[in-house]
Amino acid sequence: LKGKQLNGLTFTRQKSVGPYIIELYCASKKVAIEIDGVTH
């Protein structure tokens, strides 16, 4: 995802939003990507 490899979009890692932290976030599209593992 880094370096605008996906559809030319910029993503950030570990973005704090209110009381939460989003694993991967695209601000221009307002999309959060969460990777769900065993802890979930």
PDB file of all heavy atoms in Angstrom:
ATOM      1  N   LEU A   1       0.794  -1.227   0.000  1.00  0.00           N
ATOM      2  CA  LEU A   1       0.000   0.000   0.000  1.00  0.00           C
ATOM      3  C   LEU A   1       0.831   1.284   0.000  1.00  0.00           C
ATOM      4  O   LEU A   1       0.399   2.300  -0.529  1.00  0.00           O
ATOM      5  CB  LEU A   1      -0.928   0.031   1.223  1.00  0.00           C
ATOM      6  CG  LEU A   1      -1.994  -1.047   1.293  1.00  0.00           C
ATOM      7  CD1 LEU A   1      -2.744  -0.961   2.612  1.00  0.00           C
ATOM      8  CD2 LEU A   1      -2.947  -0.940   0.115  1.00  0.00           C
ATOM      9  N   LYS A   2       2.011   1.214   0.594  1.00  0.00           N
ATOM     10  CA  LYS A   2       2.808   2.438   0.734  1.00  0.00           C
ATOM     11  C   LYS A   2       3.252   2.956  -0.635  1.00  0.00           C
ATOM     12  O   LYS A   2       3.305   2.205  -1.608  1.00  0.00           O
ATOM     13  CB  LYS A   2       4.009   2.199   1.641  1.00  0.00           C
ATOM     14  CG  LYS A   2       5.084   1.320   1.061  1.00  0.00           C
ATOM     15  CD  LYS A   2       6.226   1.154   2.046  1.00  0.00           C
ATOM     16  CE  LYS A   2       7.333   0.312   1.429  1.00  0.00           C
ATOM     17  NZ  LYS A   2       8.458   0.167   2.335  1.00  0.00           N
ATOM     18  N   GLY A   3       3.558   4.235  -0.671  1.00  0.00           N
ATOM     19  CA  GLY A   3       4.035   4.838  -1.914  1.00  0.00           C
ATOM     20  C   GLY A   3       2.997   4.905  -3.015  1.00  0.00           C
ATOM     21  O   GLY A   3       3.337   4.844  -4.191  1.00  0.00           O
ATOM     22  N   LYS A   4       1.738   4.992  -2.641  1.00  0.00           N
ATOM     23  CA  LYS A   4       0.631   5.146  -3.598  1.00  0.00           C
ATOM     24  C   LYS A   4       0.537   3.998  -4.607  1.00  0.00           C
ATOM     25  O   LYS A   4       0.156   4.181  -5.752  1.00  0.00           O
ATOM     26  CB  LYS A   4       0.742   6.477  -4.338  1.00  0.00           C
ATOM     27  CG  LYS A   4       0.675   7.686  -3.431  1.00  0.00           C
ATOM     28  CD  LYS A   4       0.719   8.969  -4.218  1.00  0.00           C
ATOM     29  CE  LYS A   4       0.632  10.157  -3.278  1.00  0.00           C
ATOM     30  NZ  LYS A   4       0.529  11.414  -3.999  1.00  0.00           N
ATOM     31  N   GLN A   5       0.894   2.782  -4.171  1.00  0.00           N
ATOM     32  CA  GLN A   5       0.871   1.632  -5.078  1.00  0.00           C
ATOM     33  C   GLN A   5      -0.530   1.132  -5.390  1.00  0.00           C
ATOM     34  O   GLN A   5      -0.732   0.461  -6.402  1.00  0.00           O
ATOM     35  CB  GLN A   5       1.678   0.476  -4.467  1.00  0.00           C
ATOM     36  CG  GLN A   5       3.160   0.775  -4.331  1.00  0.00           C
ATOM     37  CD  GLN A   5       3.879  -0.401  -3.725  1.00  0.00           C
ATOM     38  OE1 GLN A   5       4.210  -1.354  -4.427  1.00  0.00           O
ATOM     39  NE2 GLN A   5       4.102  -0.351  -2.417  1.00  0.00           N
ATOM     40  N   LEU A   6      -1.489   1.429  -4.524  1.00  0.00           N
ATOM     41  CA  LEU A   6      -2.865   0.973  -4.753  1.00  0.00           C
ATOM     42  C   LEU A   6      -3.706   2.141  -5.245  1.00  0.00           C
ATOM     43  O   LEU A   6      -3.990   3.085  -4.491  1.00  0.00           O
ATOM     44  CB  LEU A   6      -3.478   0.393  -3.475  1.00  0.00           C
ATOM     45  CG  LEU A   6      -4.920  -0.086  -3.621  1.00  0.00           C
ATOM     46  CD1 LEU A   6      -4.979  -1.375  -4.443  1.00  0.00           C
ATOM     47  CD2 LEU A   6      -5.562  -0.302  -2.276  1.00  0.00           C
ATOM     48  N   ASN A   7      -4.060   2.116  -6.501  1.00  0.00           N
ATOM     49  CA  ASN A   7      -4.929   3.126  -7.114  1.00  0.00           C
ATOM     50  C   ASN A   7      -4.437   4.556  -6.894  1.00  0.00           C
ATOM     51  O   ASN A   7      -5.230   5.500  -6.894  1.00  0.00           O
ATOM     52  CB  ASN A   7      -6.370   2.989  -6.593  1.00  0.00           C
ATOM     53  CG  ASN A   7      -6.985   1.651  -6.931  1.00  0.00           C
ATOM     54  OD1 ASN A   7      -6.489   0.913  -7.775  1.00  0.00           O
ATOM     55  ND2 ASN A   7      -8.071   1.307  -6.269  1.00  0.00           N
ATOM     56  N   GLY A   8      -3.133   4.732  -6.674  1.00  0.00           N
ATOM     57  CA  GLY A   8      -2.570   6.069  -6.468  1.00  0.00           C
ATOM     58  C   GLY A   8      -2.942   6.703  -5.139  1.00  0.00           C
ATOM     59  O   GLY A   8      -2.785   7.912  -4.960  1.00  0.00           O
ATOM     60  N   LEU A   9      -3.418   5.905  -4.192  1.00  0.00           N
ATOM     61  CA  LEU A   9      -3.901   6.418  -2.905  1.00  0.00           C
ATOM     62  C   LEU A   9      -2.807   6.403  -1.845  1.00  0.00           C
ATOM     63  O   LEU A   9      -1.968   5.513  -1.814  1.00  0.00           O
ATOM     64  CB  LEU A   9      -5.088   5.577  -2.424  1.00  0.00           C
ATOM     65  CG  LEU A   9      -6.309   5.570  -3.344  1.00  0.00           C
ATOM     66  CD1 LEU A   9      -7.305   4.526  -2.885  1.00  0.00           C
ATOM     67  CD2 LEU A   9      -6.946   6.952  -3.404  1.00  0.00           C
ATOM     68  N   THR A  10      -2.852   7.382  -0.960  1.00  0.00           N
ATOM     69  CA  THR A  10      -1.918   7.475   0.152  1.00  0.00           C
ATOM     70  C   THR A  10      -2.541   6.839   1.389  1.00  0.00           C
ATOM     71  O   THR A  10      -3.675   7.168   1.762  1.00  0.00           O
ATOM     72  CB  THR A  10      -1.574   8.945   0.465  1.00  0.00           C
ATOM     73  OG1 THR A  10      -0.963   9.513  -0.698  1.00  0.00           O
ATOM     74  CG2 THR A  10      -0.629   9.064   1.644  1.00  0.00           C
ATOM     75  N   PHE A  11      -1.802   5.945   2.005  1.00  0.00           N
ATOM     76  CA  PHE A  11      -2.225   5.297   3.248  1.00  0.00           C
ATOM     77  C   PHE A  11      -1.251   5.650   4.362  1.00  0.00           C
ATOM     78  O   PHE A  11      -0.074   5.917   4.098  1.00  0.00           O
ATOM     79  CB  PHE A  11      -2.242   3.763   3.087  1.00  0.00           C
ATOM     80  CG  PHE A  11      -3.386   3.258   2.271  1.00  0.00           C
ATOM     81  CD1 PHE A  11      -3.309   3.229   0.883  1.00  0.00           C
ATOM     82  CD2 PHE A  11      -4.550   2.811   2.878  1.00  0.00           C
ATOM     83  CE1 PHE A  11      -4.364   2.766   0.117  1.00  0.00           C
ATOM     84  CE2 PHE A  11      -5.610   2.346   2.123  1.00  0.00           C
ATOM     85  CZ  PHE A  11      -5.523   2.322   0.741  1.00  0.00           C
ATOM     86  N   THR A  12      -1.766   5.658   5.587  1.00  0.00           N
ATOM     87  CA  THR A  12      -0.916   5.806   6.765  1.00  0.00           C
ATOM     88  C   THR A  12      -1.156   4.596   7.659  1.00  0.00           C
ATOM     89  O   THR A  12      -2.200   3.942   7.574  1.00  0.00           O
ATOM     90  CB  THR A  12      -1.235   7.093   7.554  1.00  0.00           C
ATOM     91  OG1 THR A  12      -2.631   7.100   7.894  1.00  0.00           O
ATOM     92  CG2 THR A  12      -0.925   8.332   6.740  1.00  0.00           C
ATOM     93  N   ARG A  13      -0.162   4.329   8.510  1.00  0.00           N
ATOM     94  CA  ARG A  13      -0.267   3.210   9.459  1.00  0.00           C
ATOM     95  C   ARG A  13      -0.527   3.748  10.848  1.00  0.00           C
ATOM     96  O   ARG A  13      -0.013   4.793  11.226  1.00  0.00           O
ATOM     97  CB  ARG A  13       1.038   2.412   9.483  1.00  0.00           C
ATOM     98  CG  ARG A  13       1.257   1.577   8.272  1.00  0.00           C
ATOM     99  CD  ARG A  13       2.574   0.835   8.303  1.00  0.00           C
ATOM    100  NE  ARG A  13       2.657  -0.069   9.441  1.00  0.00           N
ATOM    101  CZ  ARG A  13       3.796  -0.409  10.035  1.00  0.00           C
ATOM    102  NH1 ARG A  13       4.940   0.072   9.617  1.00  0.00           N
ATOM    103  NH2 ARG A  13       3.797  -1.230  11.051  1.00  0.00           N
ATOM    104  N   GLN A  14      -1.310   2.992  11.608  1.00  0.00           N
ATOM    105  CA  GLN A  14      -1.559   3.287  13.022  1.00  0.00           C
ATOM    106  C   GLN A  14      -2.012   4.734  13.224  1.00  0.00           C
ATOM    107  O   GLN A  14      -1.382   5.520  13.894  1.00  0.00           O
ATOM    108  CB  GLN A  14      -0.319   2.967  13.860  1.00  0.00           C
ATOM    109  CG  GLN A  14       0.157   1.541  13.738  1.00  0.00           C
ATOM    110  CD  GLN A  14      -0.893   0.501  14.127  1.00  0.00           C
ATOM    111  OE1 GLN A  14      -1.835   0.784  14.844  1.00  0.00           O
ATOM    112  NE2 GLN A  14      -0.732  -0.705  13.630  1.00  0.00           N
ATOM    113  N   LYS A  15      -3.129   5.078  12.630  1.00  0.00           N
ATOM    114  CA  LYS A  15      -3.715   6.415  12.707  1.00  0.00           C
ATOM    115  C   LYS A  15      -4.649   6.479  13.903  1.00  0.00           C
ATOM    116  O   LYS A  15      -5.568   5.675  14.028  1.00  0.00           O
ATOM    117  CB  LYS A  15      -4.484   6.681  11.407  1.00  0.00           C
ATOM    118  CG  LYS A  15      -5.423   7.840  11.435  1.00  0.00           C
ATOM    119  CD  LYS A  15      -4.720   9.097  11.112  1.00  0.00           C
ATOM    120  CE  LYS A  15      -5.726  10.243  10.975  1.00  0.00           C
ATOM    121  NZ  LYS A  15      -5.166  11.485  11.401  1.00  0.00           N
ATOM    122  N   SER A  16      -4.405   7.445  14.783  1.00  0.00           N
ATOM    123  CA  SER A  16      -5.320   7.600  15.917  1.00  0.00           C
ATOM    124  C   SER A  16      -6.539   8.399  15.465  1.00  0.00           C
ATOM    125  O   SER A  16      -6.418   9.413  14.787  1.00  0.00           O
ATOM    126  CB  SER A  16      -4.629   8.283  17.099  1.00  0.00           C
ATOM    127  OG  SER A  16      -4.563   9.665  16.921  1.00  0.00           O
ATOM    128  N   VAL A  17      -7.704   7.880  15.817  1.00  0.00           N
ATOM    129  CA  VAL A  17      -8.983   8.532  15.525  1.00  0.00           C
ATOM    130  C   VAL A  17      -9.802   8.450  16.795  1.00  0.00           C
ATOM    131  O   VAL A  17     -10.226   7.364  17.197  1.00  0.00           O
ATOM    132  CB  VAL A  17      -9.724   7.853  14.353  1.00  0.00           C
ATOM    133  CG1 VAL A  17     -11.068   8.524  14.118  1.00  0.00           C
ATOM    134  CG2 VAL A  17      -8.888   7.877  13.082  1.00  0.00           C
ATOM    135  N   GLY A  18     -10.002   9.588  17.430  1.00  0.00           N
ATOM    136  CA  GLY A  18     -10.708   9.589  18.709  1.00  0.00           C
ATOM    137  C   GLY A  18      -9.999   8.673  19.681  1.00  0.00           C
ATOM    138  O   GLY A  18      -8.773   8.705  19.798  1.00  0.00           O
ATOM    139  N   PRO A  19     -10.726   7.784  20.327  1.00  0.00           N
ATOM    140  CA  PRO A  19     -10.105   6.880  21.303  1.00  0.00           C
ATOM    141  C   PRO A  19      -9.520   5.594  20.697  1.00  0.00           C
ATOM    142  O   PRO A  19      -9.118   4.703  21.427  1.00  0.00           O
ATOM    143  CB  PRO A  19     -11.271   6.541  22.235  1.00  0.00           C
ATOM    144  CG  PRO A  19     -12.468   6.592  21.346  1.00  0.00           C
ATOM    145  CD  PRO A  19     -12.186   7.701  20.353  1.00  0.00           C
ATOM    146  N   TYR A  20      -9.473   5.511  19.374  1.00  0.00           N
ATOM    147  CA  TYR A  20      -9.054   4.283  18.702  1.00  0.00           C
ATOM    148  C   TYR A  20      -7.829   4.501  17.817  1.00  0.00           C
ATOM    149  O   TYR A  20      -7.513   5.627  17.443  1.00  0.00           O
ATOM    150  CB  TYR A  20     -10.203   3.729  17.842  1.00  0.00           C
ATOM    151  CG  TYR A  20     -11.445   3.479  18.636  1.00  0.00           C
ATOM    152  CD1 TYR A  20     -12.536   4.332  18.548  1.00  0.00           C
ATOM    153  CD2 TYR A  20     -11.530   2.400  19.503  1.00  0.00           C
ATOM    154  CE1 TYR A  20     -13.678   4.105  19.299  1.00  0.00           C
ATOM    155  CE2 TYR A  20     -12.667   2.167  20.253  1.00  0.00           C
ATOM    156  CZ  TYR A  20     -13.741   3.025  20.155  1.00  0.00           C
ATOM    157  OH  TYR A  20     -14.867   2.809  20.898  1.00  0.00           O
ATOM    158  N   ILE A  21      -7.187   3.402  17.460  1.00  0.00           N
ATOM    159  CA  ILE A  21      -6.091   3.425  16.498  1.00  0.00           C
ATOM    160  C   ILE A  21      -6.477   2.513  15.345  1.00  0.00           C
ATOM    161  O   ILE A  21      -6.826   1.349  15.543  1.00  0.00           O
ATOM    162  CB  ILE A  21      -4.768   2.961  17.133  1.00  0.00           C
ATOM    163  CG1 ILE A  21      -4.350   3.942  18.238  1.00  0.00           C
ATOM    164  CG2 ILE A  21      -3.673   2.862  16.065  1.00  0.00           C
ATOM    165  CD1 ILE A  21      -3.098   3.546  18.983  1.00  0.00           C
ATOM    166  N   ILE A  22      -6.426   3.078  14.132  1.00  0.00           N
ATOM    167  CA  ILE A  22      -6.746   2.339  12.913  1.00  0.00           C
ATOM    168  C   ILE A  22      -5.440   1.803  12.340  1.00  0.00           C
ATOM    169  O   ILE A  22      -4.461   2.531  12.229  1.00  0.00           O
ATOM    170  CB  ILE A  22      -7.418   3.270  11.877  1.00  0.00           C
ATOM    171  CG1 ILE A  22      -8.735   3.816  12.427  1.00  0.00           C
ATOM    172  CG2 ILE A  22      -7.638   2.534  10.569  1.00  0.00           C
ATOM    173  CD1 ILE A  22      -9.349   4.890  11.548  1.00  0.00           C
ATOM    174  N   GLU A  23      -5.424   0.536  11.956  1.00  0.00           N
ATOM    175  CA  GLU A  23      -4.193  -0.074  11.444  1.00  0.00           C
ATOM    176  C   GLU A  23      -3.709   0.598  10.166  1.00  0.00           C
ATOM    177  O   GLU A  23      -2.551   0.983  10.059  1.00  0.00           O
ATOM    178  CB  GLU A  23      -4.395  -1.574  11.224  1.00  0.00           C
ATOM    179  CG  GLU A  23      -4.530  -2.304  12.543  1.00  0.00           C
ATOM    180  CD  GLU A  23      -4.961  -3.753  12.417  1.00  0.00           C
ATOM    181  OE1 GLU A  23      -5.516  -4.144  11.381  1.00  0.00           O
ATOM    182  OE2 GLU A  23      -4.721  -4.491  13.377  1.00  0.00           O
ATOM    183  N   LEU A  24      -4.572   0.720   9.173  1.00  0.00           N
ATOM    184  CA  LEU A  24      -4.221   1.355   7.905  1.00  0.00           C
ATOM    185  C   LEU A  24      -5.357   2.294   7.517  1.00  0.00           C
ATOM    186  O   LEU A  24      -6.530   1.922   7.589  1.00  0.00           O
ATOM    187  CB  LEU A  24      -3.997   0.300   6.823  1.00  0.00           C
ATOM    188  CG  LEU A  24      -2.849  -0.666   7.113  1.00  0.00           C
ATOM    189  CD1 LEU A  24      -3.016  -1.960   6.335  1.00  0.00           C
ATOM    190  CD2 LEU A  24      -1.522  -0.020   6.788  1.00  0.00           C
ATOM    191  N   TYR A  25      -4.998   3.511   7.078  1.00  0.00           N
ATOM    192  CA  TYR A  25      -6.028   4.509   6.809  1.00  0.00           C
ATOM    193  C   TYR A  25      -5.707   5.303   5.554  1.00  0.00           C
ATOM    194  O   TYR A  25      -4.570   5.734   5.339  1.00  0.00           O
ATOM    195  CB  TYR A  25      -6.163   5.457   8.003  1.00  0.00           C
ATOM    196  CG  TYR A  25      -7.247   6.486   7.821  1.00  0.00           C
ATOM    197  CD1 TYR A  25      -8.585   6.100   7.795  1.00  0.00           C
ATOM    198  CD2 TYR A  25      -6.953   7.827   7.661  1.00  0.00           C
ATOM    199  CE1 TYR A  25      -9.593   7.028   7.606  1.00  0.00           C
ATOM    200  CE2 TYR A  25      -7.957   8.771   7.487  1.00  0.00           C
ATOM    201  CZ  TYR A  25      -9.269   8.366   7.459  1.00  0.00           C
ATOM    202  OH  TYR A  25     -10.267   9.282   7.267  1.00  0.00           O
ATOM    203  N   CYS A  26      -6.724   5.510   4.728  1.00  0.00           N
ATOM    204  CA  CYS A  26      -6.637   6.353   3.540  1.00  0.00           C
ATOM    205  C   CYS A  26      -7.531   7.568   3.778  1.00  0.00           C
ATOM    206  O   CYS A  26      -8.764   7.455   3.743  1.00  0.00           O
ATOM    207  CB  CYS A  26      -7.088   5.584   2.302  1.00  0.00           C
ATOM    208  SG  CYS A  26      -7.087   6.593   0.808  1.00  0.00           S
ATOM    209  N   ALA A  27      -6.909   8.722   4.031  1.00  0.00           N
ATOM    210  CA  ALA A  27      -7.666   9.934   4.375  1.00  0.00           C
ATOM    211  C   ALA A  27      -8.511  10.445   3.211  1.00  0.00           C
ATOM    212  O   ALA A  27      -9.650  10.877   3.417  1.00  0.00           O
ATOM    213  CB  ALA A  27      -6.711  11.028   4.850  1.00  0.00           C
ATOM    214  N   SER A  28      -7.977  10.390   1.987  1.00  0.00           N
ATOM    215  CA  SER A  28      -8.719  10.950   0.855  1.00  0.00           C
ATOM    216  C   SER A  28     -10.015  10.199   0.573  1.00  0.00           C
ATOM    217  O   SER A  28     -10.974  10.778   0.057  1.00  0.00           O
ATOM    218  CB  SER A  28      -7.841  10.975  -0.401  1.00  0.00           C
ATOM    219  OG  SER A  28      -7.525   9.667  -0.821  1.00  0.00           O
ATOM    220  N   LYS A  29     -10.062   8.940   0.927  1.00  0.00           N
ATOM    221  CA  LYS A  29     -11.269   8.125   0.720  1.00  0.00           C
ATOM    222  C   LYS A  29     -12.014   7.842   2.027  1.00  0.00           C
ATOM    223  O   LYS A  29     -13.082   7.224   2.000  1.00  0.00           O
ATOM    224  CB  LYS A  29     -10.911   6.784   0.055  1.00  0.00           C
ATOM    225  CG  LYS A  29     -10.326   6.928  -1.329  1.00  0.00           C
ATOM    226  CD  LYS A  29     -11.382   7.372  -2.313  1.00  0.00           C
ATOM    227  CE  LYS A  29     -10.840   7.341  -3.727  1.00  0.00           C
ATOM    228  NZ  LYS A  29     -11.870   7.668  -4.712  1.00  0.00           N
ATOM    229  N   LYS A  30     -11.421   8.254   3.149  1.00  0.00           N
ATOM    230  CA  LYS A  30     -11.983   7.972   4.475  1.00  0.00           C
ATOM    231  C   LYS A  30     -12.255   6.470   4.633  1.00  0.00           C
ATOM    232  O   LYS A  30     -13.366   6.037   4.938  1.00  0.00           O
ATOM    233  CB  LYS A  30     -13.232   8.800   4.754  1.00  0.00           C
ATOM    234  CG  LYS A  30     -12.919  10.271   4.973  1.00  0.00           C
ATOM    235  CD  LYS A  30     -14.113  11.072   5.399  1.00  0.00           C
ATOM    236  CE  LYS A  30     -14.286  10.974   6.892  1.00  0.00           C
ATOM    237  NZ  LYS A  30     -15.253  11.947   7.432  1.00  0.00           N
ATOM    238  N   VAL A  31     -11.201   5.686   4.392  1.00  0.00           N
ATOM    239  CA  VAL A  31     -11.293   4.229   4.472  1.00  0.00           C
ATOM    240  C   VAL A  31     -10.276   3.712   5.483  1.00  0.00           C
ATOM    241  O   VAL A  31      -9.094   4.060   5.420  1.00  0.00           O
ATOM    242  CB  VAL A  31     -11.035   3.567   3.096  1.00  0.00           C
ATOM    243  CG1 VAL A  31     -10.910   2.058   3.233  1.00  0.00           C
ATOM    244  CG2 VAL A  31     -12.147   3.925   2.125  1.00  0.00           C
ATOM    245  N   ALA A  32     -10.763   2.896   6.400  1.00  0.00           N
ATOM    246  CA  ALA A  32      -9.915   2.211   7.368  1.00  0.00           C
ATOM    247  C   ALA A  32      -9.821   0.750   6.963  1.00  0.00           C
ATOM    248  O   ALA A  32     -10.827   0.141   6.594  1.00  0.00           O
ATOM    249  CB  ALA A  32     -10.504   2.320   8.772  1.00  0.00           C
ATOM    250  N   ILE A  33      -8.616   0.212   7.024  1.00  0.00           N
ATOM    251  CA  ILE A  33      -8.420  -1.214   6.774  1.00  0.00           C
ATOM    252  C   ILE A  33      -7.972  -1.843   8.079  1.00  0.00           C
ATOM    253  O   ILE A  33      -6.982  -1.416   8.675  1.00  0.00           O
ATOM    254  CB  ILE A  33      -7.382  -1.471   5.666  1.00  0.00           C
ATOM    255  CG1 ILE A  33      -7.856  -0.859   4.348  1.00  0.00           C
ATOM    256  CG2 ILE A  33      -7.126  -2.977   5.522  1.00  0.00           C
ATOM    257  CD1 ILE A  33      -6.854  -0.972   3.219  1.00  0.00           C
ATOM    258  N   GLU A  34      -8.731  -2.823   8.525  1.00  0.00           N
ATOM    259  CA  GLU A  34      -8.424  -3.533   9.762  1.00  0.00           C
ATOM    260  C   GLU A  34      -8.111  -4.982   9.428  1.00  0.00           C
ATOM    261  O   GLU A  34      -8.847  -5.627   8.680  1.00  0.00           O
ATOM    262  CB  GLU A  34      -9.606  -3.470  10.724  1.00  0.00           C
ATOM    263  CG  GLU A  34      -9.858  -2.090  11.307  1.00  0.00           C
ATOM    264  CD  GLU A  34      -8.740  -1.624  12.221  1.00  0.00           C
ATOM    265  OE1 GLU A  34      -8.253  -2.439  13.036  1.00  0.00           O
ATOM    266  OE2 GLU A  34      -8.357  -0.451  12.134  1.00  0.00           O
ATOM    267  N   ILE A  35      -7.016  -5.469   9.968  1.00  0.00           N
ATOM    268  CA  ILE A  35      -6.625  -6.857   9.778  1.00  0.00           C
ATOM    269  C   ILE A  35      -7.075  -7.623  11.014  1.00  0.00           C
ATOM    270  O   ILE A  35      -6.604  -7.357  12.114  1.00  0.00           O
ATOM    271  CB  ILE A  35      -5.104  -6.978   9.569  1.00  0.00           C
ATOM    272  CG1 ILE A  35      -4.685  -6.139   8.355  1.00  0.00           C
ATOM    273  CG2 ILE A  35      -4.715  -8.445   9.394  1.00  0.00           C
ATOM    274  CD1 ILE A  35      -3.192  -5.978   8.202  1.00  0.00           C
ATOM    275  N   ASP A  36      -8.006  -8.532  10.807  1.00  0.00           N
ATOM    276  CA  ASP A  36      -8.598  -9.279  11.912  1.00  0.00           C
ATOM    277  C   ASP A  36      -7.897 -10.617  12.097  1.00  0.00           C
ATOM    278  O   ASP A  36      -7.945 -11.481  11.223  1.00  0.00           O
ATOM    279  CB  ASP A  36     -10.091  -9.514  11.668  1.00  0.00           C
ATOM    280  CG  ASP A  36     -10.872  -8.212  11.609  1.00  0.00           C
ATOM    281  OD1 ASP A  36     -10.409  -7.208  12.173  1.00  0.00           O
ATOM    282  OD2 ASP A  36     -11.954  -8.215  10.993  1.00  0.00           O
ATOM    283  N   GLY A  37      -7.265 -10.762  13.249  1.00  0.00           N
ATOM    284  CA  GLY A  37      -6.596 -12.012  13.596  1.00  0.00           C
ATOM    285  C   GLY A  37      -7.255 -12.659  14.791  1.00  0.00           C
ATOM    286  O   GLY A  37      -8.377 -12.308  15.174  1.00  0.00           O
ATOM    287  N   VAL A  38      -6.560 -13.573  15.403  1.00  0.00           N
ATOM    288  CA  VAL A  38      -7.074 -14.330  16.542  1.00  0.00           C
ATOM    289  C   VAL A  38      -7.477 -13.417  17.687  1.00  0.00           C
ATOM    290  O   VAL A  38      -8.492 -13.659  18.354  1.00  0.00           O
ATOM    291  CB  VAL A  38      -6.027 -15.368  17.011  1.00  0.00           C
ATOM    292  CG1 VAL A  38      -6.508 -16.101  18.251  1.00  0.00           C
ATOM    293  CG2 VAL A  38      -5.743 -16.349  15.900  1.00  0.00           C
ATOM    294  N   THR A  39      -6.737 -12.346  17.937  1.00  0.00           N
ATOM    295  CA  THR A  39      -7.069 -11.467  19.070  1.00  0.00           C
ATOM    296  C   THR A  39      -8.444 -10.833  18.923  1.00  0.00           C
ATOM    297  O   THR A  39      -9.081 -10.506  19.916  1.00  0.00           O
ATOM    298  CB  THR A  39      -6.021 -10.350  19.240  1.00  0.00           C
ATOM    299  OG1 THR A  39      -5.980  -9.566  18.046  1.00  0.00           O
ATOM    300  CG2 THR A  39      -4.659 -10.916  19.554  1.00  0.00           C
ATOM    301  N   HIS A  40      -8.929 -10.693  17.693  1.00  0.00           N
ATOM    302  CA  HIS A  40     -10.251 -10.093  17.485  1.00  0.00           C
ATOM    303  C   HIS A  40     -11.378 -11.028  17.908  1.00  0.00           C
ATOM    304  O   HIS A  40     -12.503 -10.579  18.139  1.00  0.00           O
ATOM    305  CB  HIS A  40     -10.416  -9.666  16.020  1.00  0.00           C
ATOM    306  CG  HIS A  40      -9.585  -8.489  15.666  1.00  0.00           C
ATOM    307  ND1 HIS A  40     -10.065  -7.199  15.723  1.00  0.00           N
ATOM    308  CD2 HIS A  40      -8.295  -8.393  15.291  1.00  0.00           C
ATOM    309  CE1 HIS A  40      -9.108  -6.373  15.378  1.00  0.00           C
ATOM    310  NE2 HIS A  40      -8.015  -7.071  15.109  1.00  0.00           N
TER     311      HIS A  40
END
